[in-house]
C-alpha atoms as a PDB file:
ATOM      1  CA  MET A   1     100.520 138.621 132.065  1.00  0.00           C
ATOM      2  CA  LYS A   2      99.649 135.099 130.991  1.00  0.00           C
ATOM      3  CA  GLU A   3     100.919 133.816 127.686  1.00  0.00           C
ATOM      4  CA  ASP A   4      98.197 133.034 125.140  1.00  0.00           C
ATOM      5  CA  LYS A   5      98.117 129.346 124.338  1.00  0.00           C
ATOM      6  CA  PRO A   6      97.144 128.180 120.846  1.00  0.00           C
ATOM      7  CA  ARG A   7      93.706 126.606 120.749  1.00  0.00           C
ATOM      8  CA  TYR A   8      91.820 124.450 118.306  1.00  0.00           C
ATOM      9  CA  SER A   9      88.087 124.005 118.864  1.00  0.00           C
ATOM     10  CA  ARG A  10      87.387 120.578 117.331  1.00  0.00           C
ATOM     11  CA  VAL A  11      88.156 118.167 120.142  1.00  0.00           C
ATOM     12  CA  SER A  12      87.341 115.146 117.958  1.00  0.00           C
ATOM     13  CA  ASP A  13      90.070 116.163 115.495  1.00  0.00           C
ATOM     14  CA  ILE A  14      92.584 116.616 118.312  1.00  0.00           C
ATOM     15  CA  ILE A  15      91.874 113.121 119.655  1.00  0.00           C
ATOM     16  CA  ASP A  16      92.089 111.707 116.141  1.00  0.00           C
ATOM     17  CA  LEU A  17      95.346 113.602 115.595  1.00  0.00           C
ATOM     18  CA  ALA A  18      96.776 112.106 118.803  1.00  0.00           C
ATOM     19  CA  THR A  19      95.829 108.627 117.569  1.00  0.00           C
ATOM     20  CA  PHE A  20      97.336 109.347 114.149  1.00  0.00           C
ATOM     21  CA  MET A  21     100.567 110.599 115.733  1.00  0.00           C
ATOM     22  CA  GLN A  22     100.834 107.590 118.063  1.00  0.00           C
ATOM     23  CA  SER A  23     100.500 105.248 115.060  1.00  0.00           C
ATOM     24  CA  LYS A  24     103.594 106.694 113.313  1.00  0.00           C
ATOM     25  CA  ALA A  25     107.023 105.551 114.496  1.00  0.00           C
ATOM     26  CA  ASN A  26     108.660 108.645 112.953  1.00  0.00           C
ATOM     27  CA  GLY A  27     105.958 111.022 114.134  1.00  0.00           C
ATOM     28  CA  ILE A  28     104.106 113.366 111.795  1.00  0.00           C
ATOM     29  CA  THR A  29     104.769 116.621 109.946  1.00  0.00           C
ATOM     30  CA  ILE A  30     102.703 119.740 109.320  1.00  0.00           C
ATOM     31  CA  LYS A  31     102.212 118.495 105.759  1.00  0.00           C
ATOM     32  CA  ASP A  32     100.773 115.210 107.112  1.00  0.00           C
ATOM     33  CA  ILE A  33      98.217 117.169 109.135  1.00  0.00           C
ATOM     34  CA  GLU A  34      97.313 119.394 106.162  1.00  0.00           C
ATOM     35  CA  GLU A  35      96.632 116.367 103.950  1.00  0.00           C
ATOM     36  CA  ARG A  36      94.793 114.266 106.544  1.00  0.00           C
ATOM     37  CA  TYR A  37      92.374 116.996 107.642  1.00  0.00           C
ATOM     38  CA  ASN A  38      92.316 119.063 104.430  1.00  0.00           C
ATOM     39  CA  VAL A  39      93.265 122.243 106.298  1.00  0.00           C
ATOM     40  CA  SER A  40      95.599 125.167 105.659  1.00  0.00           C
ATOM     41  CA  ARG A  41      99.155 125.191 106.947  1.00  0.00           C
ATOM     42  CA  ARG A  42      98.176 127.780 109.574  1.00  0.00           C
ATOM     43  CA  THR A  43      95.386 125.574 110.918  1.00  0.00           C
ATOM     44  CA  ALA A  44      97.666 122.522 110.843  1.00  0.00           C
ATOM     45  CA  ILE A  45     100.215 124.372 112.986  1.00  0.00           C
ATOM     46  CA  ARG A  46      97.483 125.369 115.452  1.00  0.00           C
ATOM     47  CA  MET A  47      96.328 121.760 115.685  1.00  0.00           C
ATOM     48  CA  ARG A  48      99.844 120.526 116.326  1.00  0.00           C
ATOM     49  CA  ASP A  49     100.507 123.202 118.946  1.00  0.00           C
ATOM     50  CA  SER A  50      97.202 122.479 120.701  1.00  0.00           C
ATOM     51  CA  LEU A  51      98.117 118.812 120.918  1.00  0.00           C
ATOM     52  CA  MET A  52     101.593 119.617 122.242  1.00  0.00           C
ATOM     53  CA  ASN A  53     100.027 121.724 125.013  1.00  0.00           C
ATOM     54  CA  ILE A  54      97.816 118.792 126.042  1.00  0.00           C
ATOM     55  CA  PHE A  55     100.620 116.215 125.855  1.00  0.00           C
ATOM     56  CA  PRO A  56     103.987 117.676 126.997  1.00  0.00           C
ATOM     57  CA  SER A  57     105.651 114.341 126.118  1.00  0.00           C
ATOM     58  CA  ILE A  58     105.393 115.184 122.403  1.00  0.00           C
ATOM     59  CA  THR A  59     108.850 115.998 121.099  1.00  0.00           C
ATOM     60  CA  GLU A  60     110.733 116.425 117.821  1.00  0.00           C
ATOM     61  CA  ILE A  61     111.913 113.172 116.235  1.00  0.00           C
ATOM     62  CA  GLU A  62     115.032 112.949 114.107  1.00  0.00           C
ATOM     63  CA  THR A  63     114.509 111.489 110.618  1.00  0.00           C
ATOM     64  CA  ASP A  64     116.404 111.231 107.348  1.00  0.00           C
ATOM     65  CA  ASP A  65     114.350 113.900 105.553  1.00  0.00           C
ATOM     66  CA  SER A  66     114.457 117.684 105.935  1.00  0.00           C
ATOM     67  CA  LEU A  67     110.939 118.020 107.394  1.00  0.00           C
ATOM     68  CA  LYS A  68     110.248 118.536 111.079  1.00  0.00           C
ATOM     69  CA  HIS A  69     108.652 115.443 112.629  1.00  0.00           C
ATOM     70  CA  VAL A  70     106.991 115.434 116.066  1.00  0.00           C
ATOM     71  CA  GLY A  71     105.690 112.442 117.999  1.00  0.00           C
ATOM     72  CA  PHE A  72     105.102 110.890 121.393  1.00  0.00           C
ATOM     73  CA  CYS A  73     108.086 109.992 123.548  1.00  0.00           C
ATOM     74  CA  ASN A  74     107.598 107.112 126.012  1.00  0.00           C
ATOM     75  CA  TYR A  75     103.842 107.696 126.239  1.00  0.00           C
ATOM     76  CA  SER A  76     100.753 105.768 125.241  1.00  0.00           C
ATOM     77  CA  ILE A  77      97.272 107.108 124.538  1.00  0.00           C
ATOM     78  CA  GLY A  78      95.807 103.603 124.710  1.00  0.00           C
ATOM     79  CA  ASN A  79      93.256 104.614 127.348  1.00  0.00           C
ATOM     80  CA  LEU A  80      91.822 107.239 124.981  1.00  0.00           C
ATOM     81  CA  ILE A  81      91.232 104.741 122.176  1.00  0.00           C
ATOM     82  CA  SER A  82      88.299 102.393 121.851  1.00  0.00           C
ATOM     83  CA  PHE A  83      86.746 100.540 118.938  1.00  0.00           C
ATOM     84  CA  THR A  84      83.101 101.103 118.090  1.00  0.00           C
ATOM     85  CA  SER A  85      80.706  98.318 117.175  1.00  0.00           C
ATOM     86  CA  LYS A  86      80.591  99.658 113.630  1.00  0.00           C
ATOM     87  CA  GLU A  87      84.393  99.553 113.272  1.00  0.00           C
ATOM     88  CA  ILE A  88      84.531  95.945 114.476  1.00  0.00           C
ATOM     89  CA  ALA A  89      81.578  95.028 112.250  1.00  0.00           C
ATOM     90  CA  ASN A  90      83.414  96.519 109.247  1.00  0.00           C
ATOM     91  CA  ILE A  91      86.294  94.098 109.819  1.00  0.00           C
ATOM     92  CA  GLU A  92      83.859  91.215 110.281  1.00  0.00           C
ATOM     93  CA  GLN A  93      82.343  92.124 106.907  1.00  0.00           C
ATOM     94  CA  LEU A  94      85.821  91.966 105.343  1.00  0.00           C
ATOM     95  CA  GLN A  95      86.355  88.619 107.042  1.00  0.00           C
ATOM     96  CA  ARG A  96      83.145  87.284 105.459  1.00  0.00           C
ATOM     97  CA  ARG A  97      83.992  88.636 102.014  1.00  0.00           C
ATOM     98  CA  THR A  98      87.493  87.257 101.667  1.00  0.00           C
ATOM     99  CA  THR A  99      87.767  84.034  99.694  1.00  0.00           C
ATOM    100  CA  ASN A 100      91.138  83.078 101.167  1.00  0.00           C
ATOM    101  CA  ALA A 101      90.768  80.670 104.099  1.00  0.00           C
ATOM    102  CA  GLU A 102      94.054  81.644 105.741  1.00  0.00           C
ATOM    103  CA  MET A 103      93.300  85.366 105.497  1.00  0.00           C
ATOM    104  CA  LYS A 104      89.800  84.712 106.838  1.00  0.00           C
ATOM    105  CA  ALA A 105      91.298  83.025 109.913  1.00  0.00           C
ATOM    106  CA  GLU A 106      93.735  85.920 110.458  1.00  0.00           C
ATOM    107  CA  LEU A 107      90.927  88.475 110.265  1.00  0.00           C
ATOM    108  CA  GLN A 108      88.894  86.449 112.734  1.00  0.00           C
ATOM    109  CA  LYS A 109      91.779  86.631 115.220  1.00  0.00           C
ATOM    110  CA  THR A 110      91.919  90.391 114.689  1.00  0.00           C
ATOM    111  CA  VAL A 111      88.203  90.712 115.478  1.00  0.00           C
ATOM    112  CA  GLU A 112      88.644  88.628 118.626  1.00  0.00           C
ATOM    113  CA  LYS A 113      91.477  90.894 119.817  1.00  0.00           C
ATOM    114  CA  LEU A 114      89.409  94.025 119.194  1.00  0.00           C
ATOM    115  CA  LYS A 115      86.519  92.556 121.165  1.00  0.00           C
ATOM    116  CA  ALA A 116      88.896  91.635 123.968  1.00  0.00           C
ATOM    117  CA  LEU A 117      89.963  95.294 124.246  1.00  0.00           C
ATOM    118  CA  ASN A 118      86.285  96.198 124.785  1.00  0.00           C
ATOM    119  CA  ASN A 119      85.871  93.441 127.374  1.00  0.00           C
ATOM    120  CA  LYS A 120      84.011  95.588 129.917  1.00  0.00           C
ATOM    121  CA  GLU A 121      81.182  96.275 127.472  1.00  0.00           C
ATOM    122  CA  LEU A 122      81.556  93.095 125.440  1.00  0.00           C
ATOM    123  CA  LYS A 123      77.920  91.988 125.687  1.00  0.00           C
ATOM    124  CA  ASN A 124      76.579  95.338 124.463  1.00  0.00           C
ATOM    125  CA  VAL A 125      79.247  95.518 121.765  1.00  0.00           C
ATOM    126  CA  GLU A 126      78.402  92.030 120.466  1.00  0.00           C
ATOM    127  CA  ASN A 127      74.679  92.840 120.412  1.00  0.00           C
ATOM    128  CA  ARG A 128      75.295  95.997 118.374  1.00  0.00           C
ATOM    129  CA  ILE A 129      77.660  94.176 116.015  1.00  0.00           C
ATOM    130  CA  GLU A 130      75.078  91.446 115.437  1.00  0.00           C
ATOM    131  CA  LEU A 131      72.435  94.072 114.643  1.00  0.00           C
ATOM    132  CA  ILE A 132      74.747  95.724 112.100  1.00  0.00           C
ATOM    133  CA  MET A 133      75.629  92.364 110.527  1.00  0.00           C
ATOM    134  CA  GLN A 134      71.939  91.450 110.210  1.00  0.00           C
ATOM    135  CA  THR A 135      71.000  94.703 108.491  1.00  0.00           C
ATOM    136  CA  GLU A 136      74.000  95.115 106.187  1.00  0.00           C
ATOM    137  CA  GLY A 137      74.999  92.613 103.520  1.00  0.00           C
ATOM    138  CA  TYR A 138      77.032  92.548 100.326  1.00  0.00           C
ATOM    139  CA  ALA A 139      76.440  91.436  96.774  1.00  0.00           C
ATOM    140  CA  VAL A 140      77.635  87.997  95.760  1.00  0.00           C
ATOM    141  CA  ARG A 141      80.792  88.322  93.680  1.00  0.00           C
ATOM    142  CA  GLN A 142      81.817  85.707  91.168  1.00  0.00           C
ATOM    143  CA  MET A 143      85.547  85.143  91.472  1.00  0.00           C
ATOM    144  CA  PRO A 144      88.065  82.312  91.680  1.00  0.00           C
ATOM    145  CA  GLN A 145      89.346  81.278  95.098  1.00  0.00           C
ATOM    146  CA  TYR A 146      93.090  81.080  95.611  1.00  0.00           C
ATOM    147  CA  LYS A 147      94.776  79.346  98.511  1.00  0.00           C
ATOM    148  CA  ILE A 148      97.674  81.374  99.856  1.00  0.00           C
ATOM    149  CA  ASP A 149      99.765  80.013 102.699  1.00  0.00           C
ATOM    150  CA  MET A 150     100.050  82.699 105.403  1.00  0.00           C
ATOM    151  CA  ASN A 151     103.674  81.610 105.890  1.00  0.00           C
ATOM    152  CA  VAL A 152     104.339  82.580 102.268  1.00  0.00           C
ATOM    153  CA  LEU A 153     102.668  85.945 102.812  1.00  0.00           C
ATOM    154  CA  GLU A 154     104.680  86.614 105.981  1.00  0.00           C
ATOM    155  CA  THR A 155     107.910  85.570 104.236  1.00  0.00           C
ATOM    156  CA  ILE A 156     107.239  88.045 101.426  1.00  0.00           C
ATOM    157  CA  ARG A 157     106.350  90.814 103.868  1.00  0.00           C
ATOM    158  CA  THR A 158     109.570  90.261 105.797  1.00  0.00           C
ATOM    159  CA  ALA A 159     111.573  90.233 102.567  1.00  0.00           C
ATOM    160  CA  ILE A 160     109.999  93.505 101.375  1.00  0.00           C
ATOM    161  CA  GLN A 161     110.535  95.268 104.708  1.00  0.00           C
ATOM    162  CA  ASN A 162     114.176  94.199 104.995  1.00  0.00           C
ATOM    163  CA  SER A 163     115.174  94.050 101.299  1.00  0.00           C
ATOM    164  CA  PHE A 164     115.969  90.332 101.446  1.00  0.00           C
ATOM    165  CA  LYS A 165     115.843  88.115  98.378  1.00  0.00           C
ATOM    166  CA  VAL A 166     113.608  85.027  98.411  1.00  0.00           C
ATOM    167  CA  LYS A 167     113.927  81.671  96.671  1.00  0.00           C
ATOM    168  CA  GLY A 168     111.067  79.503  95.521  1.00  0.00           C
ATOM    169  CA  VAL A 169     109.417  77.574  92.725  1.00  0.00           C
ATOM    170  CA  TYR A 170     107.228  79.489  90.263  1.00  0.00           C
ATOM    171  CA  HIS A 171     105.798  77.824  87.143  1.00  0.00           C
ATOM    172  CA  ASP A 172     107.888  74.701  87.910  1.00  0.00           C
ATOM    173  CA  LYS A 173     111.111  76.688  87.872  1.00  0.00           C
ATOM    174  CA  GLN A 174     113.421  77.559  90.784  1.00  0.00           C
ATOM    175  CA  ARG A 175     113.784  81.334  90.985  1.00  0.00           C
ATOM    176  CA  GLU A 176     115.494  83.978  93.097  1.00  0.00           C
ATOM    177  CA  ILE A 177     113.236  86.992  93.481  1.00  0.00           C
ATOM    178  CA  GLU A 178     113.709  90.546  94.789  1.00  0.00           C
ATOM    179  CA  PRO A 179     110.278  91.432  96.273  1.00  0.00           C
ATOM    180  CA  LEU A 180     109.297  95.101  95.959  1.00  0.00           C
ATOM    181  CA  GLY A 181     105.619  95.195  96.939  1.00  0.00           C
ATOM    182  CA  LEU A 182     102.232  93.482  97.086  1.00  0.00           C
ATOM    183  CA  ILE A 183      99.068  94.570  95.271  1.00  0.00           C
ATOM    184  CA  TYR A 184      95.699  93.217  96.403  1.00  0.00           C
ATOM    185  CA  GLY A 185      92.921  92.591  93.905  1.00  0.00           C
ATOM    186  CA  GLU A 186      90.911  89.469  93.164  1.00  0.00           C
ATOM    187  CA  LYS A 187      94.327  87.845  93.525  1.00  0.00           C
ATOM    188  CA  ILE A 188      97.391  88.918  95.486  1.00  0.00           C
ATOM    189  CA  PHE A 189     100.123  90.065  93.116  1.00  0.00           C
ATOM    190  CA  LEU A 190     103.814  90.273  93.936  1.00  0.00           C
ATOM    191  CA  ILE A 191     105.754  93.066  92.242  1.00  0.00           C
ATOM    192  CA  ALA A 192     109.413  92.045  92.015  1.00  0.00           C
ATOM    193  CA  ARG A 193     112.633  91.881  90.063  1.00  0.00           C
ATOM    194  CA  GLU A 194     114.240  88.649  88.938  1.00  0.00           C
ATOM    195  CA  LYS A 195     117.912  89.325  88.303  1.00  0.00           C
ATOM    196  CA  ALA A 196     118.236  86.314  86.029  1.00  0.00           C
ATOM    197  CA  LYS A 197     115.968  88.260  83.640  1.00  0.00           C
ATOM    198  CA  GLY A 198     117.654  91.652  84.084  1.00  0.00           C
ATOM    199  CA  ASP A 199     116.503  94.871  85.779  1.00  0.00           C
ATOM    200  CA  ASP A 200     112.890  94.876  84.569  1.00  0.00           C
ATOM    201  CA  ILE A 201     110.031  94.670  87.066  1.00  0.00           C
ATOM    202  CA  TYR A 202     107.584  91.753  86.796  1.00  0.00           C
ATOM    203  CA  THR A 203     104.195  90.820  88.232  1.00  0.00           C
ATOM    204  CA  TYR A 204     103.769  87.402  89.873  1.00  0.00           C
ATOM    205  CA  HIS A 205     100.704  85.587  91.211  1.00  0.00           C
ATOM    206  CA  LEU A 206     101.495  84.991  94.876  1.00  0.00           C
ATOM    207  CA  HIS A 207      99.423  81.801  95.076  1.00  0.00           C
ATOM    208  CA  LYS A 208     101.582  80.156  92.398  1.00  0.00           C
ATOM    209  CA  PHE A 209     104.746  80.168  94.524  1.00  0.00           C
ATOM    210  CA  SER A 210     105.795  77.043  96.404  1.00  0.00           C
ATOM    211  CA  ASN A 211     108.730  76.156  98.685  1.00  0.00           C
ATOM    212  CA  LEU A 212     109.324  79.863  99.243  1.00  0.00           C
ATOM    213  CA  THR A 213     112.200  80.635 101.626  1.00  0.00           C
ATOM    214  CA  LEU A 214     113.791  83.811 102.903  1.00  0.00           C
ATOM    215  CA  THR A 215     117.487  84.318 102.159  1.00  0.00           C
ATOM    216  CA  GLN A 216     119.900  86.611 103.984  1.00  0.00           C
ATOM    217  CA  ASN A 217     121.020  88.140 100.685  1.00  0.00           C
ATOM    218  CA  LYS A 218     120.179  91.843 100.563  1.00  0.00           C
ATOM    219  CA  PHE A 219     119.253  93.734  97.395  1.00  0.00           C
ATOM    220  CA  ASP A 220     118.937  97.378  96.350  1.00  0.00           C
ATOM    221  CA  LYS A 221     115.368  98.573  95.704  1.00  0.00           C
ATOM    222  CA  GLN A 222     116.804 101.336  93.499  1.00  0.00           C
ATOM    223  CA  GLY A 223     114.323 103.895  94.817  1.00  0.00           C
ATOM    224  CA  PHE A 224     111.278 101.802  93.878  1.00  0.00           C
ATOM    225  CA  ASN A 225     107.982 103.420  94.946  1.00  0.00           C
ATOM    226  CA  LEU A 226     104.974 101.093  94.856  1.00  0.00           C
ATOM    227  CA  SER A 227     102.448 103.931  94.849  1.00  0.00           C
ATOM    228  CA  GLU A 228     104.049 105.660  91.860  1.00  0.00           C
ATOM    229  CA  TYR A 229     104.526 102.342  90.061  1.00  0.00           C
ATOM    230  CA  SER A 230     100.836 101.460  90.503  1.00  0.00           C
ATOM    231  CA  LYS A 231      99.752 104.763  88.953  1.00  0.00           C
ATOM    232  CA  LEU A 232     101.415 103.796  85.665  1.00  0.00           C
ATOM    233  CA  SER A 233      98.947 100.985  85.040  1.00  0.00           C
ATOM    234  CA  PHE A 234      95.166 100.836  84.638  1.00  0.00           C
ATOM    235  CA  GLY A 235      95.144  97.550  86.529  1.00  0.00           C
ATOM    236  CA  ILE A 236      97.951  95.207  87.501  1.00  0.00           C
ATOM    237  CA  TYR A 237      99.965  94.614  84.365  1.00  0.00           C
ATOM    238  CA  HIS A 238     102.367  97.164  82.900  1.00  0.00           C
ATOM    239  CA  GLY A 239     103.342  97.853  79.321  1.00  0.00           C
ATOM    240  CA  GLU A 240     103.224 100.711  76.834  1.00  0.00           C
ATOM    241  CA  ILE A 241     101.785 103.936  78.296  1.00  0.00           C
ATOM    242  CA  LEU A 242      98.658 104.940  76.361  1.00  0.00           C
ATOM    243  CA  ASN A 243      96.908 108.336  76.132  1.00  0.00           C
ATOM    244  CA  VAL A 244      93.366 107.048  76.616  1.00  0.00           C
ATOM    245  CA  LYS A 245      90.257 109.056  75.747  1.00  0.00           C
ATOM    246  CA  LEU A 246      86.816 107.605  76.498  1.00  0.00           C
ATOM    247  CA  SER A 247      83.336 108.993  75.834  1.00  0.00           C
ATOM    248  CA  PHE A 248      80.260 108.102  77.916  1.00  0.00           C
ATOM    249  CA  ASP A 249      76.727 108.851  76.667  1.00  0.00           C
ATOM    250  CA  LYS A 250      74.038 110.825  78.549  1.00  0.00           C
ATOM    251  CA  GLU A 251      72.460 107.724  80.060  1.00  0.00           C
ATOM    252  CA  VAL A 252      75.506 106.970  82.220  1.00  0.00           C
ATOM    253  CA  ALA A 253      76.914 110.509  82.417  1.00  0.00           C
ATOM    254  CA  GLN A 254      76.298 110.971  86.153  1.00  0.00           C
ATOM    255  CA  ASP A 255      77.901 107.611  86.937  1.00  0.00           C
ATOM    256  CA  ALA A 256      80.929 108.439  84.785  1.00  0.00           C
ATOM    257  CA  LEU A 257      81.343 111.847  86.439  1.00  0.00           C
ATOM    258  CA  THR A 258      81.746 110.280  89.866  1.00  0.00           C
ATOM    259  CA  TYR A 259      83.707 107.195  88.764  1.00  0.00           C
ATOM    260  CA  ASN A 260      87.354 106.714  89.684  1.00  0.00           C
ATOM    261  CA  PHE A 261      88.989 105.353  86.534  1.00  0.00           C
ATOM    262  CA  HIS A 262      92.636 106.247  87.148  1.00  0.00           C
ATOM    263  CA  PRO A 263      94.778 108.616  89.281  1.00  0.00           C
ATOM    264  CA  THR A 264      95.708 110.661  86.185  1.00  0.00           C
ATOM    265  CA  GLN A 265      92.157 111.060  84.885  1.00  0.00           C
ATOM    266  CA  LYS A 266      90.607 114.327  83.710  1.00  0.00           C
ATOM    267  CA  THR A 267      86.812 114.255  83.461  1.00  0.00           C
ATOM    268  CA  VAL A 268      84.763 116.775  81.449  1.00  0.00           C
ATOM    269  CA  LEU A 269      80.985 117.166  81.142  1.00  0.00           C
ATOM    270  CA  GLU A 270      80.446 118.172  77.510  1.00  0.00           C
ATOM    271  CA  ASP A 271      77.783 120.624  76.267  1.00  0.00           C
ATOM    272  CA  ASP A 272      75.805 117.776  74.689  1.00  0.00           C
ATOM    273  CA  GLY A 273      75.520 115.960  78.042  1.00  0.00           C
ATOM    274  CA  THR A 274      78.125 113.292  77.345  1.00  0.00           C
ATOM    275  CA  VAL A 275      81.198 112.833  79.517  1.00  0.00           C
ATOM    276  CA  THR A 276      84.783 112.642  78.261  1.00  0.00           C
ATOM    277  CA  VAL A 277      87.452 110.963  80.376  1.00  0.00           C
ATOM    278  CA  LYS A 278      91.181 111.172  79.623  1.00  0.00           C
ATOM    279  CA  PHE A 279      94.040 109.399  81.417  1.00  0.00           C
ATOM    280  CA  LYS A 280      97.511 107.942  80.823  1.00  0.00           C
ATOM    281  CA  ALA A 281      98.049 104.284  81.669  1.00  0.00           C
ATOM    282  CA  SER A 282      99.347 100.955  80.457  1.00  0.00           C
ATOM    283  CA  GLY A 283      97.475  97.647  80.573  1.00  0.00           C
ATOM    284  CA  SER A 284      95.456  97.765  77.332  1.00  0.00           C
ATOM    285  CA  ARG A 285      93.679  94.452  77.949  1.00  0.00           C
ATOM    286  CA  GLU A 286      92.446  95.544  81.359  1.00  0.00           C
ATOM    287  CA  ILE A 287      91.258  98.873  79.931  1.00  0.00           C
ATOM    288  CA  ILE A 288      89.341  96.938  77.284  1.00  0.00           C
ATOM    289  CA  TRP A 289      87.746  94.677  79.893  1.00  0.00           C
ATOM    290  CA  HIS A 290      86.575  97.747  81.775  1.00  0.00           C
ATOM    291  CA  VAL A 291      85.195  99.493  78.682  1.00  0.00           C
ATOM    292  CA  PHE A 292      83.308  96.298  77.846  1.00  0.00           C
ATOM    293  CA  LYS A 293      81.484  96.481  81.205  1.00  0.00           C
ATOM    294  CA  TRP A 294      79.897  99.795  80.180  1.00  0.00           C
ATOM    295  CA  GLY A 295      78.446  98.199  77.058  1.00  0.00           C
ATOM    296  CA  LYS A 296      77.097 100.509  74.332  1.00  0.00           C
ATOM    297  CA  HIS A 297      77.355 103.521  76.654  1.00  0.00           C
ATOM    298  CA  CYS A 298      81.139 103.864  76.332  1.00  0.00           C
ATOM    299  CA  LYS A 299      83.283 104.476  73.257  1.00  0.00           C
ATOM    300  CA  ILE A 300      87.061 104.552  72.866  1.00  0.00           C
ATOM    301  CA  LEU A 301      87.996 107.805  71.129  1.00  0.00           C
ATOM    302  CA  ALA A 302      91.772 107.334  71.388  1.00  0.00           C
ATOM    303  CA  PRO A 303      94.247 105.876  70.757  1.00  0.00           C
ATOM    304  CA  LYS A 304      93.414 104.120  67.499  1.00  0.00           C
ATOM    305  CA  LYS A 305      95.597 101.201  68.582  1.00  0.00           C
ATOM    306  CA  LEU A 306      93.285 100.605  71.540  1.00  0.00           C
ATOM    307  CA  GLN A 307      90.197 100.932  69.324  1.00  0.00           C
ATOM    308  CA  LYS A 308      91.562  98.223  67.030  1.00  0.00           C
ATOM    309  CA  GLU A 309      92.433  95.941  69.949  1.00  0.00           C
ATOM    310  CA  PHE A 310      88.912  96.386  71.342  1.00  0.00           C
ATOM    311  CA  LYS A 311      87.331  95.444  67.988  1.00  0.00           C
ATOM    312  CA  ASN A 312      89.516  92.338  67.775  1.00  0.00           C
ATOM    313  CA  TYR A 313      88.483  91.423  71.316  1.00  0.00           C
ATOM    314  CA  ILE A 314      84.783  91.640  70.351  1.00  0.00           C
ATOM    315  CA  LYS A 315      85.435  89.458  67.297  1.00  0.00           C
ATOM    316  CA  GLU A 316      87.129  86.868  69.505  1.00  0.00           C
ATOM    317  CA  LEU A 317      84.068  86.775  71.758  1.00  0.00           C
ATOM    318  CA  LEU A 318      81.749  86.310  68.775  1.00  0.00           C
END
């Protein structure tokens, strides 16, 4: 009697799962599959088992955590992967939108490499990309342009990955920095410690560094988690955590219901048609700037400290 083999019917998900697994040096877990595909644990196990039946080279990978990781061993699924015209066009759109010349050049190289992988159908791919680029545009955004040396960016990335300190000039002062992470916005922000100031974490503008060099001095990240750190703030800057409560009138209610204000937000549609949004975050000035964008349609209900700061901000503008 033949043994029943686990099956999973969505071939597209299985191929995507194989790609996802190949992209992770430490393999993936059942929890990773649950979260990526929004499926139950039972379905995630079936997906994993189906993939393991297709690719016998998948094996368990030893890691530091207690979860079971599985991944490819000495195997490549490169022949199964291709890049669509839309995917390449998406990167070209990013390349057009960036205001940093060095980053623009790096993205252009990435596009060229992706096209090179599709060499056999390059003419058709380029024609489809051009059609997409002609029919899809983006709104002009008013923002300052900051020149960031790619060597500086690579130095910081290396320092973060290997926990090396860096030395450089910032605001005309020589500093030794312990880089913890990068946050991308209209500017690129470096999150780091500066031991000369103590154990606090500071935010630096990456474009303001000069003569930045990598040292061989290691430092302890002390369990720093960039994702968790970012959730503490409404924007970039950190400070006192505020219990914020905002009210949006009926005219913008639908927009407010679907708006992502903060990871901790709780949104409620009230009986009178208004929308109440609550969240915990620091960065009062950035919260105020955002409230200002909604004009008369948004009111700060709490805390009173934030209400007062907002009124003072309006007075300053007037």
